[in-house]
Amino acid sequence: MEHKSTAKYWVYFFIWLAILIVLLFVYRQFFWLALPGVCTYFALAMNIM
């Protein structure tokens, strides 16, 4: 099994998390649009997918 670096995915996860938090406070009705990015990149960073 090949061991890949997940640093890139962690960066993307934190960017999406920041977008989610901003949307939660600024446009509350649209915060769920950032959820797929947060969940996907968290799973990739944890090497689940």
N, C-alpha and C. Protein backbone atom coordinates (compact mmCIF):
# COMPACT_ATOMS: atom_id res chain seq x y z
N MET A 1 0.84 -1.18 0.00
CA MET A 1 0.00 0.00 0.00
C MET A 1 0.89 1.25 0.00
N GLU A 2 0.55 2.16 -0.87
CA GLU A 2 1.34 3.37 -1.02
C GLU A 2 0.90 4.42 -0.01
N HIS A 3 1.86 5.08 0.63
CA HIS A 3 1.56 6.12 1.61
C HIS A 3 1.64 7.47 0.93
N LYS A 4 0.48 8.14 0.77
CA LYS A 4 0.44 9.44 0.13
C LYS A 4 0.43 10.55 1.17
N SER A 5 0.99 11.68 0.80
CA SER A 5 0.95 12.85 1.67
C SER A 5 -0.44 13.47 1.62
N THR A 6 -0.99 13.78 2.77
CA THR A 6 -2.33 14.35 2.82
C THR A 6 -2.32 15.83 3.20
N ALA A 7 -1.16 16.46 3.18
CA ALA A 7 -1.06 17.88 3.57
C ALA A 7 -1.92 18.76 2.68
N LYS A 8 -1.95 18.47 1.39
CA LYS A 8 -2.75 19.25 0.46
C LYS A 8 -4.23 19.18 0.83
N TYR A 9 -4.70 17.98 1.20
CA TYR A 9 -6.10 17.82 1.56
C TYR A 9 -6.44 18.53 2.87
N TRP A 10 -5.49 18.58 3.80
CA TRP A 10 -5.73 19.31 5.03
C TRP A 10 -5.87 20.81 4.75
N VAL A 11 -5.06 21.33 3.85
CA VAL A 11 -5.17 22.75 3.48
C VAL A 11 -6.53 23.02 2.87
N TYR A 12 -6.96 22.17 1.92
CA TYR A 12 -8.28 22.34 1.31
C TYR A 12 -9.40 22.23 2.35
N PHE A 13 -9.24 21.30 3.30
CA PHE A 13 -10.25 21.15 4.35
C PHE A 13 -10.39 22.43 5.17
N PHE A 14 -9.26 23.02 5.58
CA PHE A 14 -9.34 24.23 6.39
C PHE A 14 -9.86 25.42 5.60
N ILE A 15 -9.58 25.46 4.30
CA ILE A 15 -10.15 26.52 3.46
C ILE A 15 -11.67 26.37 3.39
N TRP A 16 -12.14 25.16 3.16
CA TRP A 16 -13.58 24.91 3.11
C TRP A 16 -14.22 25.17 4.47
N LEU A 17 -13.52 24.84 5.55
CA LEU A 17 -14.05 25.09 6.89
C LEU A 17 -14.20 26.58 7.13
N ALA A 18 -13.24 27.37 6.69
CA ALA A 18 -13.33 28.82 6.82
C ALA A 18 -14.50 29.36 6.01
N ILE A 19 -14.69 28.83 4.80
CA ILE A 19 -15.83 29.24 3.98
C ILE A 19 -17.13 28.90 4.69
N LEU A 20 -17.19 27.71 5.28
CA LEU A 20 -18.39 27.28 6.01
C LEU A 20 -18.69 28.22 7.17
N ILE A 21 -17.69 28.59 7.93
CA ILE A 21 -17.89 29.47 9.08
C ILE A 21 -18.34 30.86 8.63
N VAL A 22 -17.72 31.37 7.57
CA VAL A 22 -18.13 32.68 7.05
C VAL A 22 -19.58 32.63 6.58
N LEU A 23 -19.93 31.59 5.85
CA LEU A 23 -21.31 31.46 5.38
C LEU A 23 -22.28 31.31 6.54
N LEU A 24 -21.86 30.65 7.60
CA LEU A 24 -22.72 30.46 8.76
C LEU A 24 -23.08 31.78 9.42
N PHE A 25 -22.14 32.73 9.43
CA PHE A 25 -22.39 34.01 10.06
C PHE A 25 -22.94 35.07 9.11
N VAL A 26 -22.57 35.00 7.83
CA VAL A 26 -22.97 36.05 6.89
C VAL A 26 -24.24 35.66 6.15
N TYR A 27 -24.23 34.50 5.50
CA TYR A 27 -25.39 34.01 4.75
C TYR A 27 -25.83 32.69 5.35
N ARG A 28 -26.53 32.76 6.46
CA ARG A 28 -26.88 31.56 7.21
C ARG A 28 -27.63 30.54 6.37
N GLN A 29 -28.49 31.00 5.47
CA GLN A 29 -29.29 30.06 4.68
C GLN A 29 -28.48 29.31 3.64
N PHE A 30 -27.23 29.74 3.36
CA PHE A 30 -26.41 29.09 2.34
C PHE A 30 -25.22 28.32 2.91
N PHE A 31 -25.10 28.21 4.23
CA PHE A 31 -23.91 27.56 4.80
C PHE A 31 -23.81 26.10 4.38
N TRP A 32 -24.93 25.45 4.12
CA TRP A 32 -24.92 24.03 3.76
C TRP A 32 -24.26 23.79 2.41
N LEU A 33 -24.08 24.83 1.60
CA LEU A 33 -23.41 24.66 0.30
C LEU A 33 -21.93 24.30 0.47
N ALA A 34 -21.34 24.64 1.61
CA ALA A 34 -19.94 24.32 1.85
C ALA A 34 -19.77 22.95 2.52
N LEU A 35 -20.83 22.33 2.96
CA LEU A 35 -20.72 21.05 3.65
C LEU A 35 -20.09 19.93 2.80
N PRO A 36 -20.45 19.79 1.51
CA PRO A 36 -19.80 18.73 0.73
C PRO A 36 -18.28 18.88 0.65
N GLY A 37 -17.81 20.11 0.50
CA GLY A 37 -16.36 20.34 0.44
C GLY A 37 -15.69 19.99 1.75
N VAL A 38 -16.30 20.39 2.86
CA VAL A 38 -15.74 20.10 4.17
C VAL A 38 -15.68 18.59 4.42
N CYS A 39 -16.78 17.91 4.15
CA CYS A 39 -16.83 16.47 4.40
C CYS A 39 -15.89 15.70 3.48
N THR A 40 -15.87 16.07 2.20
CA THR A 40 -15.02 15.36 1.23
C THR A 40 -13.55 15.50 1.57
N TYR A 41 -13.10 16.73 1.81
CA TYR A 41 -11.67 16.93 2.06
C TYR A 41 -11.27 16.43 3.43
N PHE A 42 -12.20 16.39 4.40
CA PHE A 42 -11.86 15.77 5.68
C PHE A 42 -11.63 14.27 5.49
N ALA A 43 -12.51 13.64 4.73
CA ALA A 43 -12.36 12.21 4.48
C ALA A 43 -11.07 11.90 3.72
N LEU A 44 -10.73 12.75 2.74
CA LEU A 44 -9.48 12.54 2.01
C LEU A 44 -8.27 12.78 2.90
N ALA A 45 -8.33 13.79 3.75
CA ALA A 45 -7.20 14.08 4.64
C ALA A 45 -7.00 12.97 5.67
N MET A 46 -8.08 12.36 6.12
CA MET A 46 -7.98 11.25 7.06
C MET A 46 -7.68 9.93 6.37
N ASN A 47 -7.57 9.98 5.03
CA ASN A 47 -7.28 8.81 4.20
C ASN A 47 -8.37 7.74 4.33
N ILE A 48 -9.62 8.20 4.41
CA ILE A 48 -10.76 7.29 4.47
C ILE A 48 -11.20 6.89 3.07
N MET A 49 -11.11 7.82 2.13
CA MET A 49 -11.50 7.54 0.75
C MET A 49 -10.27 7.19 -0.08
